[in-house]
N, C-alpha and C. Protein backbone atom coordinates (compact mmCIF):
# COMPACT_ATOMS: atom_id res chain seq x y z
N MET A 1 25.11 46.98 52.58
CA MET A 1 24.65 45.85 51.90
C MET A 1 25.22 46.17 50.32
N ARG A 2 25.02 47.30 50.02
CA ARG A 2 25.50 47.75 48.52
C ARG A 2 27.05 47.64 48.45
N LYS A 3 27.66 48.10 49.42
CA LYS A 3 29.23 47.94 49.36
C LYS A 3 29.63 46.51 49.30
N PHE A 4 29.05 45.76 50.06
CA PHE A 4 29.37 44.23 50.04
C PHE A 4 29.10 43.64 48.76
N ASP A 5 28.01 44.02 48.11
CA ASP A 5 27.63 43.54 46.83
C ASP A 5 28.73 43.91 45.69
N ILE A 6 29.24 45.12 45.79
CA ILE A 6 30.30 45.55 44.82
C ILE A 6 31.47 44.68 45.09
N SER A 7 31.97 44.57 46.32
CA SER A 7 33.14 43.71 46.66
C SER A 7 33.03 42.34 46.15
N GLU A 8 31.91 41.89 46.35
CA GLU A 8 31.49 40.43 46.09
C GLU A 8 31.66 40.38 44.45
N LYS A 9 31.12 41.31 43.76
CA LYS A 9 31.22 41.20 42.30
C LYS A 9 32.66 41.30 41.88
N ILE A 10 33.48 41.95 42.45
CA ILE A 10 34.93 42.14 42.04
C ILE A 10 35.60 40.93 42.47
N VAL A 11 35.48 40.42 43.80
CA VAL A 11 36.42 39.47 44.35
C VAL A 11 36.08 38.03 43.73
N THR A 12 34.63 37.88 43.62
CA THR A 12 34.20 36.44 43.25
C THR A 12 34.75 36.06 41.90
N PRO A 13 34.77 36.97 40.83
CA PRO A 13 35.44 36.45 39.64
C PRO A 13 36.95 36.17 39.63
N ILE A 14 37.62 36.94 40.63
CA ILE A 14 39.02 36.64 40.72
C ILE A 14 39.28 35.39 41.47
N ILE A 15 38.49 35.07 42.38
CA ILE A 15 38.58 33.67 43.05
C ILE A 15 38.29 32.59 42.12
N ASN A 16 37.29 32.75 41.36
CA ASN A 16 36.85 31.68 40.42
C ASN A 16 38.06 31.44 39.42
N THR A 17 38.57 32.73 38.98
CA THR A 17 39.66 32.49 38.14
C THR A 17 40.90 31.78 38.58
N VAL A 18 41.23 32.18 39.75
CA VAL A 18 42.43 31.69 40.50
C VAL A 18 42.19 30.13 40.74
N SER A 19 41.02 29.84 41.03
CA SER A 19 40.73 28.40 41.38
C SER A 19 40.90 27.50 40.27
N GLY A 20 40.81 28.13 39.03
CA GLY A 20 41.02 27.40 37.81
C GLY A 20 42.48 27.12 37.49
N PHE A 21 43.49 27.91 38.09
CA PHE A 21 44.84 27.79 37.85
C PHE A 21 45.45 26.56 38.37
N SER A 22 46.51 26.14 37.79
CA SER A 22 47.16 24.89 38.24
C SER A 22 47.97 25.35 39.49
N LYS A 23 48.37 24.15 40.13
CA LYS A 23 49.19 24.38 41.42
C LYS A 23 50.45 25.27 41.29
N VAL A 24 51.16 24.99 40.23
CA VAL A 24 52.33 25.79 39.88
C VAL A 24 52.02 27.33 39.81
N GLN A 25 50.98 27.49 39.02
CA GLN A 25 50.56 28.88 38.80
C GLN A 25 50.15 29.73 40.15
N LYS A 26 49.43 28.88 40.93
CA LYS A 26 49.04 29.39 42.22
C LYS A 26 50.19 29.73 43.07
N ILE A 27 51.18 28.88 43.04
CA ILE A 27 52.51 29.09 43.80
C ILE A 27 53.15 30.42 43.36
N LEU A 28 53.27 30.47 42.08
CA LEU A 28 53.83 31.64 41.28
C LEU A 28 53.10 32.96 41.83
N ILE A 29 51.75 32.80 41.83
CA ILE A 29 51.06 34.09 42.17
C ILE A 29 51.22 34.39 43.65
N VAL A 30 51.33 33.41 44.51
CA VAL A 30 51.67 33.68 45.87
C VAL A 30 53.12 34.29 46.10
N VAL A 31 53.96 33.73 45.41
CA VAL A 31 55.37 34.32 45.36
C VAL A 31 55.44 35.64 44.84
N GLY A 32 54.67 35.89 43.76
CA GLY A 32 54.60 37.28 43.21
C GLY A 32 54.03 38.28 44.26
N ILE A 33 53.06 37.77 44.96
CA ILE A 33 52.34 38.70 45.97
C ILE A 33 53.43 38.97 47.08
N PHE A 34 54.18 38.05 47.46
CA PHE A 34 55.11 38.20 48.49
C PHE A 34 56.33 39.12 48.11
N VAL A 35 56.64 38.94 46.76
CA VAL A 35 57.78 39.86 46.18
C VAL A 35 57.32 41.27 46.15
N LEU A 36 55.94 41.50 45.62
CA LEU A 36 55.56 42.87 45.66
C LEU A 36 55.37 43.46 47.03
N ALA A 37 54.92 42.79 47.97
CA ALA A 37 54.82 43.22 49.29
C ALA A 37 56.15 43.44 49.82
N GLY A 38 57.06 42.49 49.66
CA GLY A 38 58.38 42.85 50.25
C GLY A 38 59.12 43.92 49.56
N GLY A 39 58.82 44.02 48.14
CA GLY A 39 59.56 45.22 47.51
C GLY A 39 58.91 46.63 47.98
N GLY A 40 57.65 46.59 48.11
CA GLY A 40 57.00 47.76 48.62
C GLY A 40 57.46 48.20 50.08
N PHE A 41 57.67 47.05 50.89
CA PHE A 41 58.05 47.32 52.26
C PHE A 41 59.55 47.81 52.17
N ALA A 42 60.30 47.37 51.34
CA ALA A 42 61.65 47.72 51.23
C ALA A 42 61.80 49.17 50.75
N TYR A 43 61.03 49.43 49.75
CA TYR A 43 61.10 50.85 49.12
C TYR A 43 60.59 51.83 50.09
N PHE A 44 59.41 51.67 50.67
CA PHE A 44 58.86 52.59 51.51
C PHE A 44 59.36 52.78 52.94
N SER A 45 59.86 51.65 53.39
CA SER A 45 60.26 51.53 54.83
C SER A 45 61.89 51.37 54.94
N TYR A 46 62.40 50.45 54.28
CA TYR A 46 63.80 50.07 54.60
C TYR A 46 64.75 51.09 53.80
N TYR A 47 64.46 51.34 52.44
CA TYR A 47 65.40 52.08 51.70
C TYR A 47 65.62 53.50 52.14
N PRO A 48 64.59 54.31 52.70
CA PRO A 48 64.90 55.57 53.33
C PRO A 48 65.81 55.39 54.55
N LYS A 49 65.63 54.39 55.35
CA LYS A 49 66.39 54.15 56.53
C LYS A 49 67.80 53.90 56.01
N TYR A 50 67.92 52.99 55.07
CA TYR A 50 69.35 52.52 54.53
C TYR A 50 70.03 53.91 54.12
N LYS A 51 69.44 54.74 53.29
CA LYS A 51 70.07 56.01 52.91
C LYS A 51 70.49 56.78 54.10
N GLU A 52 69.58 56.82 55.15
CA GLU A 52 69.93 57.63 56.32
C GLU A 52 71.24 56.98 57.04
N ILE A 53 71.23 55.57 57.13
CA ILE A 53 72.20 54.94 57.71
C ILE A 53 73.64 55.14 56.93
N THR A 54 73.42 55.17 55.61
CA THR A 54 74.71 55.31 54.83
C THR A 54 75.27 56.75 55.00
N ARG A 55 74.32 57.67 55.07
CA ARG A 55 74.66 59.12 55.31
C ARG A 55 75.37 59.29 56.63
N LEU A 56 74.81 58.66 57.79
CA LEU A 56 75.26 58.65 59.03
C LEU A 56 76.71 58.13 59.15
N ALA A 57 76.88 56.95 58.45
CA ALA A 57 78.18 56.22 58.35
C ALA A 57 79.26 57.05 57.75
N GLN A 58 78.92 57.74 56.75
CA GLN A 58 79.83 58.64 56.01
C GLN A 58 80.21 59.82 56.81
N GLU A 59 79.27 60.43 57.59
CA GLU A 59 79.51 61.40 58.53
C GLU A 59 80.46 61.02 59.69
N GLN A 60 80.13 59.75 60.19
CA GLN A 60 81.00 59.17 61.34
C GLN A 60 82.45 58.96 60.74
N MET A 61 82.70 58.52 59.60
CA MET A 61 83.94 58.34 59.09
C MET A 61 84.62 59.74 59.04
N LYS A 62 83.90 60.76 58.51
CA LYS A 62 84.48 62.14 58.54
C LYS A 62 84.86 62.60 59.90
N LEU A 63 84.03 62.40 60.82
CA LEU A 63 84.32 62.81 62.17
C LEU A 63 85.48 62.18 62.87
N ASP A 64 85.48 60.72 62.55
CA ASP A 64 86.69 60.05 62.96
C ASP A 64 88.00 60.56 62.44
N LYS A 65 88.08 60.80 61.10
CA LYS A 65 89.25 61.48 60.46
C LYS A 65 89.50 62.82 61.14
N ASP A 66 88.44 63.65 61.28
CA ASP A 66 88.84 64.87 61.96
C ASP A 66 89.34 64.79 63.40
N LEU A 67 88.76 63.77 64.07
CA LEU A 67 89.28 63.56 65.46
C LEU A 67 90.67 63.04 65.48
N ALA A 68 91.01 62.30 64.52
CA ALA A 68 92.42 61.55 64.47
C ALA A 68 93.32 62.74 64.01
N ARG A 69 93.01 63.63 63.09
CA ARG A 69 93.77 64.72 62.81
C ARG A 69 93.98 65.71 63.98
N SER A 70 92.89 65.86 64.71
CA SER A 70 92.98 66.90 65.97
C SER A 70 93.93 66.18 67.05
N LYS A 71 93.82 64.94 67.16
CA LYS A 71 94.59 64.25 68.14
C LYS A 71 96.20 64.37 67.71
N LYS A 72 96.48 64.32 66.44
CA LYS A 72 97.78 64.29 65.82
C LYS A 72 98.26 65.67 66.21
N LYS A 73 97.51 66.77 65.83
CA LYS A 73 97.84 68.16 66.11
C LYS A 73 98.10 68.29 67.46
N ALA A 74 97.22 67.78 68.42
CA ALA A 74 97.45 67.98 69.90
C ALA A 74 98.78 67.35 70.31
N ALA A 75 99.00 66.17 69.78
CA ALA A 75 100.22 65.50 70.12
C ALA A 75 101.48 66.37 69.63
N GLU A 76 101.42 66.86 68.44
CA GLU A 76 102.49 67.74 67.98
C GLU A 76 102.67 69.05 68.70
N TYR A 77 101.50 69.48 69.21
CA TYR A 77 101.59 70.84 69.95
C TYR A 77 102.30 70.53 71.26
N GLU A 78 101.92 69.43 71.91
CA GLU A 78 102.71 69.10 73.08
C GLU A 78 104.10 68.82 73.01
N SER A 79 104.45 68.26 71.79
CA SER A 79 105.87 67.86 71.50
C SER A 79 106.61 69.24 71.33
N TYR A 80 105.98 70.18 70.49
CA TYR A 80 106.57 71.58 70.34
C TYR A 80 106.73 72.30 71.62
N LYS A 81 105.66 72.09 72.45
CA LYS A 81 105.63 72.88 73.76
C LYS A 81 106.94 72.38 74.46
N LYS A 82 107.12 71.07 74.62
CA LYS A 82 108.24 70.55 75.45
C LYS A 82 109.53 71.11 74.81
N LYS A 83 109.68 71.02 73.50
CA LYS A 83 110.85 71.49 72.89
C LYS A 83 111.12 72.90 73.14
N MET A 84 110.03 73.76 73.08
CA MET A 84 110.14 75.11 73.41
C MET A 84 110.59 75.44 74.78
N VAL A 85 110.13 74.68 75.66
CA VAL A 85 110.39 74.65 77.19
C VAL A 85 111.90 74.31 77.26
N LEU A 86 112.52 73.25 76.78
CA LEU A 86 113.81 72.90 76.79
C LEU A 86 114.76 74.05 76.00
N ALA A 87 114.23 74.47 74.93
CA ALA A 87 115.01 75.57 74.30
C ALA A 87 115.22 76.75 75.12
N GLU A 88 114.14 77.24 75.88
CA GLU A 88 114.18 78.39 76.64
C GLU A 88 115.09 78.08 77.85
N ARG A 89 115.05 76.89 78.44
CA ARG A 89 115.82 76.54 79.52
C ARG A 89 117.39 76.61 79.11
N ASN A 90 117.71 76.03 77.90
CA ASN A 90 119.01 75.93 77.52
C ASN A 90 119.41 77.37 77.11
N PHE A 91 118.63 78.21 76.61
CA PHE A 91 118.86 79.61 76.34
C PHE A 91 119.37 80.35 77.55
N ARG A 92 118.50 80.06 78.63
CA ARG A 92 118.74 80.76 79.92
C ARG A 92 120.14 80.43 80.40
N GLN A 93 120.39 79.05 80.28
CA GLN A 93 121.70 78.65 80.86
C GLN A 93 122.89 79.22 80.05
N ALA A 94 122.63 79.40 78.77
CA ALA A 94 123.70 80.06 77.83
C ALA A 94 123.83 81.50 78.28
N LEU A 95 122.71 82.17 78.60
CA LEU A 95 122.75 83.55 78.97
C LEU A 95 123.71 83.66 80.36
N GLN A 96 123.42 82.65 81.13
CA GLN A 96 124.16 82.77 82.51
C GLN A 96 125.60 82.72 82.21
N ALA A 97 126.09 81.96 81.14
CA ALA A 97 127.39 81.73 80.77
C ALA A 97 128.03 82.92 80.01
N LEU A 98 127.16 83.85 79.56
CA LEU A 98 127.73 85.05 78.85
C LEU A 98 127.83 86.20 79.83
N PRO A 99 128.99 86.77 80.00
CA PRO A 99 129.12 87.89 80.88
C PRO A 99 128.48 89.11 80.53
N GLU A 100 128.08 89.83 81.60
CA GLU A 100 127.51 91.14 81.34
C GLU A 100 128.74 92.17 81.07
N LYS A 101 128.40 93.33 80.45
CA LYS A 101 129.53 94.17 80.01
C LYS A 101 130.24 94.59 81.20
N LYS A 102 129.72 94.91 82.42
CA LYS A 102 130.51 95.21 83.59
C LYS A 102 131.56 94.15 84.06
N GLU A 103 131.12 92.82 83.72
CA GLU A 103 131.97 91.79 84.10
C GLU A 103 133.26 91.52 83.23
N ILE A 104 133.23 92.13 81.99
CA ILE A 104 134.30 91.89 81.07
C ILE A 104 135.71 92.16 81.62
N PRO A 105 135.92 93.30 82.30
CA PRO A 105 137.36 93.59 82.79
C PRO A 105 137.69 92.42 83.70
N SER A 106 136.81 92.00 84.63
CA SER A 106 137.33 91.06 85.63
C SER A 106 137.44 89.61 84.94
N LEU A 107 136.67 89.42 83.94
CA LEU A 107 136.84 88.20 83.17
C LEU A 107 138.19 88.09 82.32
N LEU A 108 138.58 89.26 81.77
CA LEU A 108 139.92 89.31 81.06
C LEU A 108 140.91 89.21 82.16
N THR A 109 140.70 89.79 83.29
CA THR A 109 141.78 89.54 84.37
C THR A 109 141.92 88.15 84.79
N ASN A 110 140.76 87.37 84.90
CA ASN A 110 140.81 85.97 85.21
C ASN A 110 141.72 85.15 84.13
N ILE A 111 141.38 85.49 82.95
CA ILE A 111 142.11 84.82 81.83
C ILE A 111 143.68 85.01 81.90
N SER A 112 144.02 86.27 82.11
CA SER A 112 145.39 86.56 82.36
C SER A 112 145.95 85.89 83.42
N ARG A 113 145.27 85.90 84.58
CA ARG A 113 145.87 85.23 85.86
C ARG A 113 145.89 83.73 85.69
N SER A 114 145.00 83.13 84.83
CA SER A 114 145.07 81.65 84.64
C SER A 114 146.31 81.35 83.94
N GLY A 115 146.91 82.18 82.98
CA GLY A 115 148.16 82.01 82.40
C GLY A 115 149.34 82.13 83.30
N GLN A 116 149.25 83.13 84.06
CA GLN A 116 150.39 83.37 85.03
C GLN A 116 150.34 82.42 86.16
N ASP A 117 149.24 81.76 86.57
CA ASP A 117 149.34 80.83 87.58
C ASP A 117 149.98 79.43 87.12
N VAL A 118 150.02 79.27 85.83
CA VAL A 118 150.66 77.91 85.33
C VAL A 118 152.05 78.18 84.79
N GLY A 119 152.53 79.48 84.99
CA GLY A 119 153.89 79.82 84.73
C GLY A 119 154.25 80.25 83.26
N LEU A 120 153.22 80.82 82.69
CA LEU A 120 153.33 81.48 81.26
C LEU A 120 153.77 82.76 81.37
N GLU A 121 154.66 83.32 80.59
CA GLU A 121 155.11 84.70 80.43
C GLU A 121 154.28 85.36 79.36
N PHE A 122 153.54 86.38 79.69
CA PHE A 122 152.62 87.05 78.79
C PHE A 122 153.45 88.22 78.05
N LEU A 123 153.55 88.01 76.71
CA LEU A 123 154.13 89.05 75.86
C LEU A 123 153.11 89.98 75.28
N LEU A 124 151.90 89.47 75.26
CA LEU A 124 150.89 90.37 74.60
C LEU A 124 149.59 89.86 75.22
N PHE A 125 148.63 90.91 75.52
CA PHE A 125 147.26 90.57 75.98
C PHE A 125 146.49 91.74 75.78
N GLN A 126 145.93 91.76 74.51
CA GLN A 126 145.41 93.00 74.00
C GLN A 126 143.96 92.70 73.42
N PRO A 127 142.92 93.29 74.29
CA PRO A 127 141.47 93.10 73.79
C PRO A 127 141.27 93.82 72.46
N GLN A 128 140.44 93.28 71.62
CA GLN A 128 140.20 93.94 70.24
C GLN A 128 138.79 94.40 70.28
N ALA A 129 138.33 95.17 69.15
CA ALA A 129 137.10 95.72 69.03
C ALA A 129 136.00 94.65 69.05
N GLU A 130 134.90 94.87 69.78
CA GLU A 130 133.72 93.79 69.72
C GLU A 130 133.22 93.62 68.36
N VAL A 131 132.76 92.38 68.13
CA VAL A 131 132.24 92.02 66.94
C VAL A 131 130.61 91.80 67.19
N GLN A 132 129.84 92.55 66.57
CA GLN A 132 128.41 92.47 66.91
C GLN A 132 127.83 91.35 66.05
N LYS A 133 127.04 90.43 66.75
CA LYS A 133 126.26 89.40 66.24
C LYS A 133 124.84 89.79 66.32
N GLU A 134 123.96 88.68 66.17
CA GLU A 134 122.48 88.72 66.19
C GLU A 134 121.99 89.27 67.51
N PHE A 135 122.37 88.58 68.60
CA PHE A 135 121.93 88.93 70.03
C PHE A 135 123.04 88.89 71.00
N TYR A 136 124.30 88.79 70.40
CA TYR A 136 125.44 88.78 71.34
C TYR A 136 126.63 89.52 70.64
N ALA A 137 127.66 89.74 71.36
CA ALA A 137 128.87 90.33 70.70
C ALA A 137 129.95 89.56 71.13
N GLU A 138 130.98 89.37 70.21
CA GLU A 138 132.14 88.63 70.58
C GLU A 138 133.22 89.56 70.92
N ILE A 139 133.98 89.29 71.87
CA ILE A 139 135.05 90.12 72.41
C ILE A 139 136.45 89.25 72.35
N PRO A 140 137.28 89.52 71.18
CA PRO A 140 138.33 88.83 70.98
C PRO A 140 139.57 89.55 71.64
N VAL A 141 140.43 88.56 72.11
CA VAL A 141 141.65 89.18 72.85
C VAL A 141 142.86 88.48 72.30
N SER A 142 143.75 89.17 71.74
CA SER A 142 144.98 88.74 71.16
C SER A 142 146.02 88.37 72.31
N ILE A 143 146.48 87.15 72.25
CA ILE A 143 147.35 86.77 73.36
C ILE A 143 148.60 86.10 72.67
N GLN A 144 149.87 86.42 73.38
CA GLN A 144 151.04 85.86 73.01
C GLN A 144 151.85 85.58 74.28
N VAL A 145 152.32 84.21 74.42
CA VAL A 145 152.99 83.82 75.66
C VAL A 145 154.06 82.99 75.39
N ASP A 146 155.00 82.98 76.37
CA ASP A 146 156.13 82.00 76.26
C ASP A 146 156.00 81.01 77.43
N GLY A 147 156.34 79.66 77.10
CA GLY A 147 156.10 78.81 78.11
C GLY A 147 156.22 77.35 77.34
N SER A 148 156.19 76.28 78.18
CA SER A 148 156.33 74.92 77.63
C SER A 148 154.80 74.57 77.09
N TYR A 149 154.85 73.47 76.27
CA TYR A 149 153.65 73.01 75.61
C TYR A 149 152.75 72.57 76.90
N HIS A 150 153.37 71.90 77.84
CA HIS A 150 152.53 71.52 79.02
C HIS A 150 151.89 72.73 79.85
N ASN A 151 152.55 73.76 79.92
CA ASN A 151 152.11 74.89 80.55
C ASN A 151 150.98 75.51 79.67
N VAL A 152 151.12 75.61 78.39
CA VAL A 152 150.13 76.07 77.58
C VAL A 152 148.82 75.34 77.63
N ALA A 153 148.99 74.02 77.60
CA ALA A 153 147.79 73.12 77.80
C ALA A 153 147.05 73.29 79.03
N MET A 154 147.83 73.55 80.11
CA MET A 154 147.25 73.78 81.37
C MET A 154 146.55 75.08 81.45
N PHE A 155 146.96 76.19 80.73
CA PHE A 155 146.38 77.39 80.58
C PHE A 155 145.05 77.28 79.80
N PHE A 156 145.01 76.58 78.76
CA PHE A 156 143.83 76.34 78.06
C PHE A 156 142.89 75.64 78.81
N ASP A 157 143.26 74.68 79.57
CA ASP A 157 142.36 73.90 80.38
C ASP A 157 141.67 74.74 81.46
N LYS A 158 142.46 75.67 82.10
CA LYS A 158 141.98 76.49 83.17
C LYS A 158 140.90 77.51 82.49
N VAL A 159 141.22 78.01 81.31
CA VAL A 159 140.42 79.02 80.61
C VAL A 159 138.98 78.27 80.35
N ALA A 160 139.15 76.95 79.91
CA ALA A 160 137.90 76.13 79.65
C ALA A 160 136.93 76.02 80.89
N GLY A 161 137.65 76.03 82.12
CA GLY A 161 136.97 75.82 83.27
C GLY A 161 136.47 77.10 83.85
N LEU A 162 136.51 78.16 83.22
CA LEU A 162 135.96 79.41 83.81
C LEU A 162 134.44 79.43 83.65
N SER A 163 133.81 80.09 84.65
CA SER A 163 132.37 80.07 84.67
C SER A 163 131.80 80.77 83.44
N ARG A 164 132.53 81.62 82.73
CA ARG A 164 131.98 82.26 81.56
C ARG A 164 132.59 81.53 80.24
N ILE A 165 131.93 81.67 79.15
CA ILE A 165 132.29 81.07 78.07
C ILE A 165 133.51 81.86 77.42
N VAL A 166 134.54 81.05 77.20
CA VAL A 166 135.82 81.61 76.51
C VAL A 166 136.18 80.54 75.59
N ASN A 167 136.41 80.87 74.44
CA ASN A 167 137.04 79.98 73.38
C ASN A 167 138.30 80.35 72.88
N ILE A 168 139.25 79.56 72.50
CA ILE A 168 140.47 79.81 72.03
C ILE A 168 140.57 79.42 70.51
N HIS A 169 140.93 80.38 69.89
CA HIS A 169 141.01 80.20 68.37
C HIS A 169 142.42 80.63 67.89
N ASP A 170 142.65 80.17 66.51
CA ASP A 170 143.90 80.59 65.84
C ASP A 170 145.26 80.37 66.63
N ILE A 171 145.36 79.15 67.23
CA ILE A 171 146.60 78.79 67.94
C ILE A 171 147.81 78.59 67.04
N LYS A 172 148.81 79.34 67.28
CA LYS A 172 150.12 79.15 66.61
C LYS A 172 151.23 78.98 67.46
N MET A 173 151.94 77.92 67.40
CA MET A 173 153.11 77.63 68.44
C MET A 173 154.47 77.53 67.43
N THR A 174 155.48 78.32 68.13
CA THR A 174 156.78 78.40 67.47
C THR A 174 157.86 78.03 68.42
N ALA A 175 158.66 77.18 68.10
CA ALA A 175 159.79 76.67 68.86
C ALA A 175 160.85 77.77 69.23
N GLN A 176 161.31 77.91 70.38
CA GLN A 176 162.26 78.89 70.71
C GLN A 176 163.75 78.15 70.91
N LYS A 177 164.75 78.96 71.25
CA LYS A 177 166.05 78.51 71.20
C LYS A 177 166.14 77.43 72.49
N ASN A 178 165.60 77.85 73.55
CA ASN A 178 165.73 76.91 74.77
C ASN A 178 164.95 75.66 74.52
N PRO A 179 165.47 74.50 74.87
CA PRO A 179 164.78 73.22 74.67
C PRO A 179 163.48 73.27 75.36
N GLY A 180 162.44 72.88 74.60
CA GLY A 180 161.02 72.76 75.22
C GLY A 180 160.33 74.00 75.40
N ALA A 181 160.97 75.29 75.00
CA ALA A 181 160.34 76.50 75.07
C ALA A 181 159.54 76.70 73.78
N LEU A 182 158.32 77.31 73.95
CA LEU A 182 157.38 77.61 72.81
C LEU A 182 156.86 79.03 73.00
N ARG A 183 156.64 79.62 71.94
CA ARG A 183 155.97 80.85 71.87
C ARG A 183 154.61 80.68 71.23
N THR A 184 153.57 80.99 71.92
CA THR A 184 152.29 80.60 71.50
C THR A 184 151.41 81.89 71.31
N ALA A 185 150.86 82.01 70.11
CA ALA A 185 150.02 83.13 69.80
C ALA A 185 148.48 82.54 69.60
N CYS A 186 147.60 83.19 70.06
CA CYS A 186 146.26 82.74 69.94
C CYS A 186 145.23 83.88 70.08
N THR A 187 143.94 83.61 69.99
CA THR A 187 142.92 84.57 70.21
C THR A 187 141.90 83.98 71.15
N ALA A 188 141.79 84.59 72.27
CA ALA A 188 140.59 84.11 73.26
C ALA A 188 139.41 84.92 72.95
N VAL A 189 138.29 84.24 72.83
CA VAL A 189 137.17 85.04 72.50
C VAL A 189 136.05 84.67 73.58
N THR A 190 135.52 85.75 74.07
CA THR A 190 134.42 85.78 75.05
C THR A 190 133.31 86.39 74.38
N TYR A 191 132.27 86.33 75.11
CA TYR A 191 130.99 86.90 74.63
C TYR A 191 130.02 87.54 75.64
N ARG A 192 129.37 88.43 75.14
CA ARG A 192 128.37 89.01 76.14
C ARG A 192 127.03 89.20 75.41
N PHE A 193 125.97 89.18 76.21
CA PHE A 193 124.71 89.19 75.62
C PHE A 193 124.33 90.67 75.34
N VAL A 194 123.70 90.87 74.17
CA VAL A 194 123.41 92.29 73.76
C VAL A 194 121.90 92.22 73.80
N GLU A 195 121.27 93.12 74.61
CA GLU A 195 119.85 93.26 74.70
C GLU A 195 119.32 94.03 73.50
N ALA A 196 118.28 93.73 72.90
CA ALA A 196 117.63 94.44 71.78
C ALA A 196 117.22 95.86 72.36
N PRO A 197 117.46 96.93 71.51
CA PRO A 197 117.15 98.24 72.00
C PRO A 197 115.66 98.37 71.99
N PRO A 198 115.10 99.20 72.97
CA PRO A 198 113.66 99.18 73.01
C PRO A 198 112.98 99.83 71.67
N PRO A 199 111.97 99.36 71.42
CA PRO A 199 111.26 100.02 69.96
C PRO A 199 110.97 101.49 70.14
N LYS A 200 111.25 102.05 69.13
CA LYS A 200 111.10 103.62 69.06
C LYS A 200 109.52 103.81 69.16
N LYS A 201 109.19 104.84 69.88
CA LYS A 201 107.78 105.28 69.88
C LYS A 201 107.44 105.96 68.58
N LYS A 202 106.30 105.59 67.99
CA LYS A 202 105.86 106.21 66.86
C LYS A 202 105.37 107.57 67.11
N GLY A 203 105.74 108.43 66.18
CA GLY A 203 105.20 109.79 66.36
C GLY A 203 105.94 110.50 67.52
N GLY A 204 105.57 111.63 67.92
CA GLY A 204 106.05 112.30 69.12
C GLY A 204 105.19 113.51 69.32
N LYS A 205 105.63 114.29 70.29
CA LYS A 205 104.86 115.46 70.69
C LYS A 205 104.67 116.46 69.56
N LYS A 206 103.58 116.84 69.11
CA LYS A 206 103.33 117.78 68.11
C LYS A 206 103.87 119.27 68.55
N LYS A 207 104.61 119.69 67.56
CA LYS A 207 105.04 121.17 67.95
C LYS A 207 103.79 122.11 68.04
N LYS A 208 103.84 122.76 69.06
CA LYS A 208 102.88 123.84 69.19
C LYS A 208 103.03 124.91 68.18
N LYS A 209 101.95 125.22 67.45
CA LYS A 209 102.06 126.34 66.43
C LYS A 209 102.07 127.75 67.16
């Protein structure tokens, strides 16, 4: 009963005061109460959730960017992988076209025979010293032949059709006394694959004292 009396003493004057206000003032009081209640609700309930939603949205954007970056790298990796496979295939094909050292004599014989088969007269067929490159060696051969332009062209065509790579460089043609006769000097260059030497073992057997 005492608690009720205290509440009544506090509330009754407020009610009496409010009852004396005009209609506009009462509306403003009600609106103010709703504003305060809504503000309190927003501050204590909605605002923390808004901050959490904002944080999660920013984190989602970061994850989306990371995912897009990862997908791009994965696509680039697949592209590089395909290019590497293609490069290795082309490299193997190129190696198949490079004669081994033991095949060089027979290859040179085939070059010479190709010229003889089309009616050329060989005046010079002289292999030169190998020229070492990064992973292959060039084997130049100085050639000098007599024959018609047509025969020389057929010779070059047959050399180009050999199973091994042979390139013709430094072609020089000189007319001879006989009509249509030419003296042709050139350099035929073939190649062979050079395997890298095995790595030297570090250190060695220690000498016994």
